[in-house]
Amino acid sequence: MKIGILQFSPVFGEKDKNLATIRTLLEGIDTDLVVLPELALTGYFFKTKEEVKDLAENIKFGPSIEKLKAIAKKEDVHIVTGFLEESGGKFYNSAVFIYPQGNLEIYRKVHLFSEEKLFFEPGDLRFPVYNIGTFKIGMMVCFDWIFPEAARSLALNGADIIAHPANLVLPFCQDAMITRSIENRIFTVTANRSGKDVRGEEILTFTGKSQVVSPEGKRILTFSEDEEGVKVVDVDPHKARDKNITKYNNIFEDRRPDLYNIDD
């Protein structure tokens, strides 16, 4: 299976411009899956609830989602991207998994970071996994990385690959995802954005350094901090099915959930 990452610097509030960049970068791509950053269509640094309301889209009829579906069909590629979702008058920092055939799956970010709590509802869809060919994929978004329960839930649900759209500003995640891959024997695909969001005198600088990590904890695809573009790597997802560390140790069979309770 070929896995790709698109790293770029979205322009805040400019959905059409960001979609044009995505379309250009994905033209002619030869991969089975490509993962884009968190909130790739809108940018990240919201200042008011009105901005959130104006830029959010409903998954059922959002024009940007329809354009992404068209790209997935044209390029015959599965796309995972972060986007700003409206549903039932509530707003979520979500990720969408788009099949080339046009069907969709949604994940809503469970663990909100910093001022996201002022604008978004925490996710309510748990950590499901979906088919990608004969393999399984799950999604988490950015700050979910710091909670090992997120990746473990996806792995226990059968995920071979975790797609991880991100807008990282802290320096820890890329190293932590090596641990997430090792402790779950799973491929992790962290698609971070590059560049800055500048809102008046306030600036958020993102760390880039998108990566794919193997179940053995090896970085097998990397970007620099400021790099923009698409990179692709060949992987064997069957490796994520082998949970044995030694001939005596299987990371799932050796779990002791009966002892993991919290004492009062």
C-alpha atoms as a PDB file:
ATOM      1  CA  MET A   1       0.000   0.000   0.000  1.00  0.00           C
ATOM      2  CA  LYS A   2       1.161   3.517  -0.777  1.00  0.00           C
ATOM      3  CA  ILE A   3       0.602   6.210   1.862  1.00  0.00           C
ATOM      4  CA  GLY A   4       1.056   9.913   1.187  1.00  0.00           C
ATOM      5  CA  ILE A   5       1.144  13.096   3.240  1.00  0.00           C
ATOM      6  CA  LEU A   6       0.336  16.589   2.000  1.00  0.00           C
ATOM      7  CA  GLN A   7       2.053  19.268   4.102  1.00  0.00           C
ATOM      8  CA  PHE A   8       1.300  22.917   3.372  1.00  0.00           C
ATOM      9  CA  SER A   9       0.394  26.241   4.971  1.00  0.00           C
ATOM     10  CA  PRO A  10      -3.348  26.948   4.663  1.00  0.00           C
ATOM     11  CA  VAL A  11      -4.399  30.585   4.412  1.00  0.00           C
ATOM     12  CA  PHE A  12      -6.820  31.465   7.196  1.00  0.00           C
ATOM     13  CA  GLY A  13     -10.395  31.872   5.974  1.00  0.00           C
ATOM     14  CA  GLU A  14      -9.556  31.262   2.300  1.00  0.00           C
ATOM     15  CA  LYS A  15     -11.266  27.954   1.596  1.00  0.00           C
ATOM     16  CA  ASP A  16     -11.238  28.296  -2.184  1.00  0.00           C
ATOM     17  CA  LYS A  17      -7.545  29.180  -2.221  1.00  0.00           C
ATOM     18  CA  ASN A  18      -6.687  26.285   0.077  1.00  0.00           C
ATOM     19  CA  LEU A  19      -8.731  23.881  -2.033  1.00  0.00           C
ATOM     20  CA  ALA A  20      -6.932  25.092  -5.150  1.00  0.00           C
ATOM     21  CA  THR A  21      -3.587  24.378  -3.480  1.00  0.00           C
ATOM     22  CA  ILE A  22      -4.748  20.917  -2.451  1.00  0.00           C
ATOM     23  CA  ARG A  23      -6.059  20.186  -5.940  1.00  0.00           C
ATOM     24  CA  THR A  24      -2.778  21.260  -7.537  1.00  0.00           C
ATOM     25  CA  LEU A  25      -0.599  19.280  -5.135  1.00  0.00           C
ATOM     26  CA  LEU A  26      -2.687  16.126  -5.525  1.00  0.00           C
ATOM     27  CA  GLU A  27      -2.904  16.242  -9.314  1.00  0.00           C
ATOM     28  CA  GLY A  28      -1.573  12.988 -10.743  1.00  0.00           C
ATOM     29  CA  ILE A  29      -0.746  11.552  -7.327  1.00  0.00           C
ATOM     30  CA  ASP A  30       0.014   7.827  -7.252  1.00  0.00           C
ATOM     31  CA  THR A  31      -0.989   6.614  -3.814  1.00  0.00           C
ATOM     32  CA  ASP A  32      -3.759   4.659  -2.111  1.00  0.00           C
ATOM     33  CA  LEU A  33      -4.150   7.087   0.796  1.00  0.00           C
ATOM     34  CA  VAL A  34      -3.179  10.696   1.372  1.00  0.00           C
ATOM     35  CA  VAL A  35      -3.517  12.501   4.709  1.00  0.00           C
ATOM     36  CA  LEU A  36      -3.858  16.290   4.975  1.00  0.00           C
ATOM     37  CA  PRO A  37      -3.479  18.551   8.036  1.00  0.00           C
ATOM     38  CA  GLU A  38      -6.047  19.491  10.654  1.00  0.00           C
ATOM     39  CA  LEU A  39      -8.475  22.244   9.542  1.00  0.00           C
ATOM     40  CA  ALA A  40      -6.750  22.184   6.152  1.00  0.00           C
ATOM     41  CA  LEU A  41      -9.568  24.044   4.405  1.00  0.00           C
ATOM     42  CA  THR A  42      -9.942  26.999   6.770  1.00  0.00           C
ATOM     43  CA  GLY A  43      -6.779  27.544   8.750  1.00  0.00           C
ATOM     44  CA  TYR A  44      -6.683  27.232  12.515  1.00  0.00           C
ATOM     45  CA  PHE A  45      -6.440  30.484  14.473  1.00  0.00           C
ATOM     46  CA  PHE A  46     -10.079  31.430  15.090  1.00  0.00           C
ATOM     47  CA  LYS A  47     -10.782  34.550  17.107  1.00  0.00           C
ATOM     48  CA  THR A  48     -14.587  34.653  17.266  1.00  0.00           C
ATOM     49  CA  LYS A  49     -17.518  32.261  17.205  1.00  0.00           C
ATOM     50  CA  GLU A  50     -18.831  34.154  14.184  1.00  0.00           C
ATOM     51  CA  GLU A  51     -15.731  33.166  12.215  1.00  0.00           C
ATOM     52  CA  VAL A  52     -16.333  29.553  13.145  1.00  0.00           C
ATOM     53  CA  LYS A  53     -19.974  29.768  12.107  1.00  0.00           C
ATOM     54  CA  ASP A  54     -19.152  31.436   8.785  1.00  0.00           C
ATOM     55  CA  LEU A  55     -16.458  28.915   7.797  1.00  0.00           C
ATOM     56  CA  ALA A  56     -18.025  25.673   9.039  1.00  0.00           C
ATOM     57  CA  GLU A  57     -19.674  23.196   6.679  1.00  0.00           C
ATOM     58  CA  ASN A  58     -22.172  20.396   7.126  1.00  0.00           C
ATOM     59  CA  ILE A  59     -20.804  17.094   5.922  1.00  0.00           C
ATOM     60  CA  LYS A  60     -23.981  16.313   3.962  1.00  0.00           C
ATOM     61  CA  PHE A  61     -23.963  19.356   1.691  1.00  0.00           C
ATOM     62  CA  GLY A  62     -20.798  21.379   2.284  1.00  0.00           C
ATOM     63  CA  PRO A  63     -19.359  22.687  -1.007  1.00  0.00           C
ATOM     64  CA  SER A  64     -15.741  22.135   0.043  1.00  0.00           C
ATOM     65  CA  ILE A  65     -16.440  18.521   0.946  1.00  0.00           C
ATOM     66  CA  GLU A  66     -18.068  18.018  -2.459  1.00  0.00           C
ATOM     67  CA  LYS A  67     -14.944  19.396  -4.139  1.00  0.00           C
ATOM     68  CA  LEU A  68     -12.740  17.064  -2.110  1.00  0.00           C
ATOM     69  CA  LYS A  69     -14.947  14.145  -3.134  1.00  0.00           C
ATOM     70  CA  ALA A  70     -14.394  15.133  -6.754  1.00  0.00           C
ATOM     71  CA  ILE A  71     -10.618  15.192  -6.216  1.00  0.00           C
ATOM     72  CA  ALA A  72     -10.713  11.762  -4.559  1.00  0.00           C
ATOM     73  CA  LYS A  73     -12.677  10.366  -7.499  1.00  0.00           C
ATOM     74  CA  LYS A  74     -10.497  11.994 -10.166  1.00  0.00           C
ATOM     75  CA  GLU A  75      -7.228  10.872  -8.577  1.00  0.00           C
ATOM     76  CA  ASP A  76      -8.620   7.510  -7.409  1.00  0.00           C
ATOM     77  CA  VAL A  77      -7.288   8.101  -3.909  1.00  0.00           C
ATOM     78  CA  HIS A  78      -8.574   7.834  -0.343  1.00  0.00           C
ATOM     79  CA  ILE A  79      -8.300  11.233   1.374  1.00  0.00           C
ATOM     80  CA  VAL A  80      -8.228  12.026   5.086  1.00  0.00           C
ATOM     81  CA  THR A  81      -8.349  15.706   5.965  1.00  0.00           C
ATOM     82  CA  GLY A  82      -9.218  17.879   8.902  1.00  0.00           C
ATOM     83  CA  PHE A  83     -12.159  20.263   8.463  1.00  0.00           C
ATOM     84  CA  LEU A  84     -14.493  22.516  10.427  1.00  0.00           C
ATOM     85  CA  GLU A  85     -17.808  20.697  10.798  1.00  0.00           C
ATOM     86  CA  GLU A  86     -21.261  22.043  11.601  1.00  0.00           C
ATOM     87  CA  SER A  87     -23.862  19.561  12.778  1.00  0.00           C
ATOM     88  CA  GLY A  88     -27.114  20.351  14.542  1.00  0.00           C
ATOM     89  CA  GLY A  89     -25.990  23.892  15.298  1.00  0.00           C
ATOM     90  CA  LYS A  90     -22.805  22.649  16.985  1.00  0.00           C
ATOM     91  CA  PHE A  91     -19.253  22.958  15.688  1.00  0.00           C
ATOM     92  CA  TYR A  92     -16.573  20.286  15.694  1.00  0.00           C
ATOM     93  CA  ASN A  93     -12.893  20.076  14.830  1.00  0.00           C
ATOM     94  CA  SER A  94     -13.336  17.019  12.640  1.00  0.00           C
ATOM     95  CA  ALA A  95     -11.580  14.721  10.211  1.00  0.00           C
ATOM     96  CA  VAL A  96     -13.244  13.161   7.188  1.00  0.00           C
ATOM     97  CA  PHE A  97     -12.235   9.951   5.414  1.00  0.00           C
ATOM     98  CA  ILE A  98     -13.240  10.197   1.760  1.00  0.00           C
ATOM     99  CA  TYR A  99     -13.367   7.127  -0.458  1.00  0.00           C
ATOM    100  CA  PRO A 100     -12.726   7.425  -4.214  1.00  0.00           C
ATOM    101  CA  GLN A 101     -16.328   6.298  -4.703  1.00  0.00           C
ATOM    102  CA  GLY A 102     -17.533   9.335  -2.745  1.00  0.00           C
ATOM    103  CA  ASN A 103     -18.729   7.819   0.516  1.00  0.00           C
ATOM    104  CA  LEU A 104     -17.539   9.451   3.744  1.00  0.00           C
ATOM    105  CA  GLU A 105     -16.673   8.654   7.349  1.00  0.00           C
ATOM    106  CA  ILE A 106     -16.308  11.234  10.129  1.00  0.00           C
ATOM    107  CA  TYR A 107     -14.252  11.524  13.297  1.00  0.00           C
ATOM    108  CA  ARG A 108     -14.679  14.442  15.713  1.00  0.00           C
ATOM    109  CA  LYS A 109     -11.679  15.494  17.783  1.00  0.00           C
ATOM    110  CA  VAL A 110     -12.180  14.252  21.329  1.00  0.00           C
ATOM    111  CA  HIS A 111      -9.382  16.105  23.138  1.00  0.00           C
ATOM    112  CA  LEU A 112      -9.597  19.831  22.437  1.00  0.00           C
ATOM    113  CA  PHE A 113      -6.445  21.920  22.768  1.00  0.00           C
ATOM    114  CA  SER A 114      -6.203  25.349  24.410  1.00  0.00           C
ATOM    115  CA  GLU A 115      -8.654  27.920  22.974  1.00  0.00           C
ATOM    116  CA  GLU A 116     -10.357  25.295  20.824  1.00  0.00           C
ATOM    117  CA  LYS A 117     -12.499  24.788  23.917  1.00  0.00           C
ATOM    118  CA  LEU A 118     -13.990  28.246  23.332  1.00  0.00           C
ATOM    119  CA  PHE A 119     -15.251  27.361  19.859  1.00  0.00           C
ATOM    120  CA  PHE A 120     -15.750  23.614  19.414  1.00  0.00           C
ATOM    121  CA  GLU A 121     -17.658  20.805  21.043  1.00  0.00           C
ATOM    122  CA  PRO A 122     -15.584  17.790  22.089  1.00  0.00           C
ATOM    123  CA  GLY A 123     -16.039  14.815  19.815  1.00  0.00           C
ATOM    124  CA  ASP A 124     -18.828  12.333  20.484  1.00  0.00           C
ATOM    125  CA  LEU A 125     -18.193   9.564  17.928  1.00  0.00           C
ATOM    126  CA  ARG A 126     -15.620   7.518  19.874  1.00  0.00           C
ATOM    127  CA  PHE A 127     -12.764   5.849  17.926  1.00  0.00           C
ATOM    128  CA  PRO A 128     -14.163   3.660  15.127  1.00  0.00           C
ATOM    129  CA  VAL A 129     -12.155   2.072  12.315  1.00  0.00           C
ATOM    130  CA  TYR A 130     -12.986   1.705   8.629  1.00  0.00           C
ATOM    131  CA  ASN A 131     -12.009  -0.456   5.690  1.00  0.00           C
ATOM    132  CA  ILE A 132      -9.346   0.646   3.243  1.00  0.00           C
ATOM    133  CA  GLY A 133      -9.021  -2.257   0.856  1.00  0.00           C
ATOM    134  CA  THR A 134      -8.366  -5.328   2.986  1.00  0.00           C
ATOM    135  CA  PHE A 135      -6.950  -3.245   5.835  1.00  0.00           C
ATOM    136  CA  LYS A 136      -8.355  -1.002   8.578  1.00  0.00           C
ATOM    137  CA  ILE A 137      -7.847   2.702   9.209  1.00  0.00           C
ATOM    138  CA  GLY A 138      -8.762   4.920  12.140  1.00  0.00           C
ATOM    139  CA  MET A 139      -8.502   8.657  12.712  1.00  0.00           C
ATOM    140  CA  MET A 140      -7.428  10.965  15.485  1.00  0.00           C
ATOM    141  CA  VAL A 141      -6.719  14.701  15.371  1.00  0.00           C
ATOM    142  CA  CYS A 142      -3.713  16.638  16.687  1.00  0.00           C
ATOM    143  CA  PHE A 143      -3.835  16.861  20.526  1.00  0.00           C
ATOM    144  CA  ASP A 144      -5.368  13.383  20.722  1.00  0.00           C
ATOM    145  CA  TRP A 145      -1.727  12.271  20.502  1.00  0.00           C
ATOM    146  CA  ILE A 146      -1.014  13.018  24.155  1.00  0.00           C
ATOM    147  CA  PHE A 147      -3.685  10.571  25.321  1.00  0.00           C
ATOM    148  CA  PRO A 148      -2.426   7.017  24.717  1.00  0.00           C
ATOM    149  CA  GLU A 149      -5.980   5.765  25.134  1.00  0.00           C
ATOM    150  CA  ALA A 150      -6.897   7.257  21.741  1.00  0.00           C
ATOM    151  CA  ALA A 151      -4.360   5.303  19.698  1.00  0.00           C
ATOM    152  CA  ARG A 152      -4.856   2.201  21.854  1.00  0.00           C
ATOM    153  CA  SER A 153      -8.625   2.324  21.293  1.00  0.00           C
ATOM    154  CA  LEU A 154      -8.096   2.452  17.534  1.00  0.00           C
ATOM    155  CA  ALA A 155      -5.578  -0.390  17.657  1.00  0.00           C
ATOM    156  CA  LEU A 156      -7.851  -2.565  19.800  1.00  0.00           C
ATOM    157  CA  ASN A 157     -10.637  -1.878  17.304  1.00  0.00           C
ATOM    158  CA  GLY A 158      -8.412  -3.348  14.609  1.00  0.00           C
ATOM    159  CA  ALA A 159      -6.765  -0.349  12.951  1.00  0.00           C
ATOM    160  CA  ASP A 160      -3.638  -1.089  10.940  1.00  0.00           C
ATOM    161  CA  ILE A 161      -3.107   2.596  10.150  1.00  0.00           C
ATOM    162  CA  ILE A 162      -3.874   5.739  12.157  1.00  0.00           C
ATOM    163  CA  ALA A 163      -4.432   8.854  10.059  1.00  0.00           C
ATOM    164  CA  HIS A 164      -3.532  11.844  12.223  1.00  0.00           C
ATOM    165  CA  PRO A 165      -4.259  15.313  10.781  1.00  0.00           C
ATOM    166  CA  ALA A 166      -2.558  17.922  12.959  1.00  0.00           C
ATOM    167  CA  ASN A 167      -1.796  21.615  13.488  1.00  0.00           C
ATOM    168  CA  LEU A 168       1.011  21.124  15.986  1.00  0.00           C
ATOM    169  CA  VAL A 169       2.554  24.050  17.848  1.00  0.00           C
ATOM    170  CA  LEU A 170       4.236  22.066  20.645  1.00  0.00           C
ATOM    171  CA  PRO A 171       7.512  20.217  19.931  1.00  0.00           C
ATOM    172  CA  PHE A 172       6.666  16.847  21.477  1.00  0.00           C
ATOM    173  CA  CYS A 173       4.205  15.045  19.218  1.00  0.00           C
ATOM    174  CA  GLN A 174       6.468  13.739  16.480  1.00  0.00           C
ATOM    175  CA  ASP A 175       8.586  11.874  19.024  1.00  0.00           C
ATOM    176  CA  ALA A 176       5.542  10.701  20.974  1.00  0.00           C
ATOM    177  CA  MET A 177       4.026   9.150  17.851  1.00  0.00           C
ATOM    178  CA  ILE A 178       7.005   6.811  17.668  1.00  0.00           C
ATOM    179  CA  THR A 179       5.897   5.460  21.033  1.00  0.00           C
ATOM    180  CA  ARG A 180       2.269   5.247  19.874  1.00  0.00           C
ATOM    181  CA  SER A 181       3.409   3.164  16.906  1.00  0.00           C
ATOM    182  CA  ILE A 182       5.597   0.859  18.995  1.00  0.00           C
ATOM    183  CA  GLU A 183       3.167   0.290  21.856  1.00  0.00           C
ATOM    184  CA  ASN A 184       0.369  -0.590  19.413  1.00  0.00           C
ATOM    185  CA  ARG A 185       2.472  -2.137  16.605  1.00  0.00           C
ATOM    186  CA  ILE A 186       0.717   0.122  14.108  1.00  0.00           C
ATOM    187  CA  PHE A 187       1.459   2.609  11.315  1.00  0.00           C
ATOM    188  CA  THR A 188       0.865   6.251  12.283  1.00  0.00           C
ATOM    189  CA  VAL A 189       0.540   9.008   9.682  1.00  0.00           C
ATOM    190  CA  THR A 190       0.891  12.491  11.188  1.00  0.00           C
ATOM    191  CA  ALA A 191       0.093  15.186   8.615  1.00  0.00           C
ATOM    192  CA  ASN A 192       1.044  18.495  10.200  1.00  0.00           C
ATOM    193  CA  ARG A 193       0.813  21.921   8.613  1.00  0.00           C
ATOM    194  CA  SER A 194       3.692  24.304   8.042  1.00  0.00           C
ATOM    195  CA  GLY A 195       3.870  28.091   8.239  1.00  0.00           C
ATOM    196  CA  LYS A 196       2.022  30.538  10.456  1.00  0.00           C
ATOM    197  CA  ASP A 197      -1.470  31.840  11.157  1.00  0.00           C
ATOM    198  CA  VAL A 198      -1.203  35.616  11.646  1.00  0.00           C
ATOM    199  CA  ARG A 199      -4.215  37.347  13.189  1.00  0.00           C
ATOM    200  CA  GLY A 200      -3.430  40.996  13.854  1.00  0.00           C
ATOM    201  CA  GLU A 201      -0.479  41.089  16.223  1.00  0.00           C
ATOM    202  CA  GLU A 202      -0.943  37.456  17.271  1.00  0.00           C
ATOM    203  CA  ILE A 203       0.991  34.712  15.509  1.00  0.00           C
ATOM    204  CA  LEU A 204       0.809  30.933  15.747  1.00  0.00           C
ATOM    205  CA  THR A 205       3.802  29.086  14.310  1.00  0.00           C
ATOM    206  CA  PHE A 206       3.343  25.446  13.343  1.00  0.00           C
ATOM    207  CA  THR A 207       6.053  22.833  13.559  1.00  0.00           C
ATOM    208  CA  GLY A 208       5.661  20.934  10.270  1.00  0.00           C
ATOM    209  CA  LYS A 209       7.792  17.758  10.325  1.00  0.00           C
ATOM    210  CA  SER A 210       4.994  15.495   9.108  1.00  0.00           C
ATOM    211  CA  GLN A 211       5.876  11.820   9.240  1.00  0.00           C
ATOM    212  CA  VAL A 212       4.903   8.204   8.758  1.00  0.00           C
ATOM    213  CA  VAL A 213       6.094   5.850  11.505  1.00  0.00           C
ATOM    214  CA  SER A 214       6.229   2.064  11.165  1.00  0.00           C
ATOM    215  CA  PRO A 215       5.080  -0.485  13.773  1.00  0.00           C
ATOM    216  CA  GLU A 216       8.754  -0.858  14.708  1.00  0.00           C
ATOM    217  CA  GLY A 217       8.972   2.854  15.535  1.00  0.00           C
ATOM    218  CA  LYS A 218      10.978   3.864  12.465  1.00  0.00           C
ATOM    219  CA  ARG A 219      10.300   7.139  10.668  1.00  0.00           C
ATOM    220  CA  ILE A 220       9.862   5.956   7.082  1.00  0.00           C
ATOM    221  CA  LEU A 221       8.684   9.276   5.612  1.00  0.00           C
ATOM    222  CA  THR A 222       9.540  12.752   6.892  1.00  0.00           C
ATOM    223  CA  PHE A 223       9.156  16.429   6.059  1.00  0.00           C
ATOM    224  CA  SER A 224      11.177  19.366   7.310  1.00  0.00           C
ATOM    225  CA  GLU A 225       9.589  22.145   9.358  1.00  0.00           C
ATOM    226  CA  ASP A 226       8.857  24.493   6.434  1.00  0.00           C
ATOM    227  CA  GLU A 227       8.571  22.064   3.538  1.00  0.00           C
ATOM    228  CA  GLU A 228       5.429  22.096   1.385  1.00  0.00           C
ATOM    229  CA  GLY A 229       4.304  19.386  -0.993  1.00  0.00           C
ATOM    230  CA  VAL A 230       3.374  15.715  -1.165  1.00  0.00           C
ATOM    231  CA  LYS A 231       5.499  12.678  -0.322  1.00  0.00           C
ATOM    232  CA  VAL A 232       4.581   9.005  -0.667  1.00  0.00           C
ATOM    233  CA  VAL A 233       5.954   5.838   0.911  1.00  0.00           C
ATOM    234  CA  ASP A 234       5.255   2.147   0.264  1.00  0.00           C
ATOM    235  CA  VAL A 235       4.220   0.189   3.360  1.00  0.00           C
ATOM    236  CA  ASP A 236       3.111  -3.338   4.162  1.00  0.00           C
ATOM    237  CA  PRO A 237       0.096  -3.014   6.495  1.00  0.00           C
ATOM    238  CA  HIS A 238       0.320  -6.728   7.285  1.00  0.00           C
ATOM    239  CA  LYS A 239       3.146  -5.765   9.649  1.00  0.00           C
ATOM    240  CA  ALA A 240       0.554  -4.082  11.870  1.00  0.00           C
ATOM    241  CA  ARG A 241      -1.187  -7.434  12.322  1.00  0.00           C
ATOM    242  CA  ASP A 242       1.827  -8.904  14.122  1.00  0.00           C
ATOM    243  CA  LYS A 243       1.461  -7.961  17.783  1.00  0.00           C
ATOM    244  CA  ASN A 244       4.212 -10.294  19.006  1.00  0.00           C
ATOM    245  CA  ILE A 245       7.273  -8.759  20.669  1.00  0.00           C
ATOM    246  CA  THR A 246       8.859 -12.107  21.574  1.00  0.00           C
ATOM    247  CA  LYS A 247       7.607 -15.658  21.116  1.00  0.00           C
ATOM    248  CA  TYR A 248       6.211 -15.335  24.639  1.00  0.00           C
ATOM    249  CA  ASN A 249       4.779 -11.818  24.450  1.00  0.00           C
ATOM    250  CA  ASN A 250       1.849 -10.428  22.499  1.00  0.00           C
ATOM    251  CA  ILE A 251       1.079  -6.803  23.313  1.00  0.00           C
ATOM    252  CA  PHE A 252      -2.679  -7.325  23.274  1.00  0.00           C
ATOM    253  CA  GLU A 253      -2.901 -10.821  24.737  1.00  0.00           C
ATOM    254  CA  ASP A 254      -0.613  -9.784  27.619  1.00  0.00           C
ATOM    255  CA  ARG A 255      -2.799  -6.861  28.637  1.00  0.00           C
ATOM    256  CA  ARG A 256      -4.339  -7.039  32.136  1.00  0.00           C
ATOM    257  CA  PRO A 257      -7.399  -4.782  32.012  1.00  0.00           C
ATOM    258  CA  ASP A 258      -8.666  -6.524  35.153  1.00  0.00           C
ATOM    259  CA  LEU A 259      -5.852  -4.768  37.056  1.00  0.00           C
ATOM    260  CA  TYR A 260      -5.991  -1.356  35.387  1.00  0.00           C
ATOM    261  CA  ASN A 261      -8.623   0.079  37.716  1.00  0.00           C
ATOM    262  CA  ILE A 262      -8.101   3.345  39.584  1.00  0.00           C
ATOM    263  CA  ASP A 263      -8.140   2.993  43.364  1.00  0.00           C
ATOM    264  CA  ASP A 264     -10.544   5.202  45.304  1.00  0.00           C
END
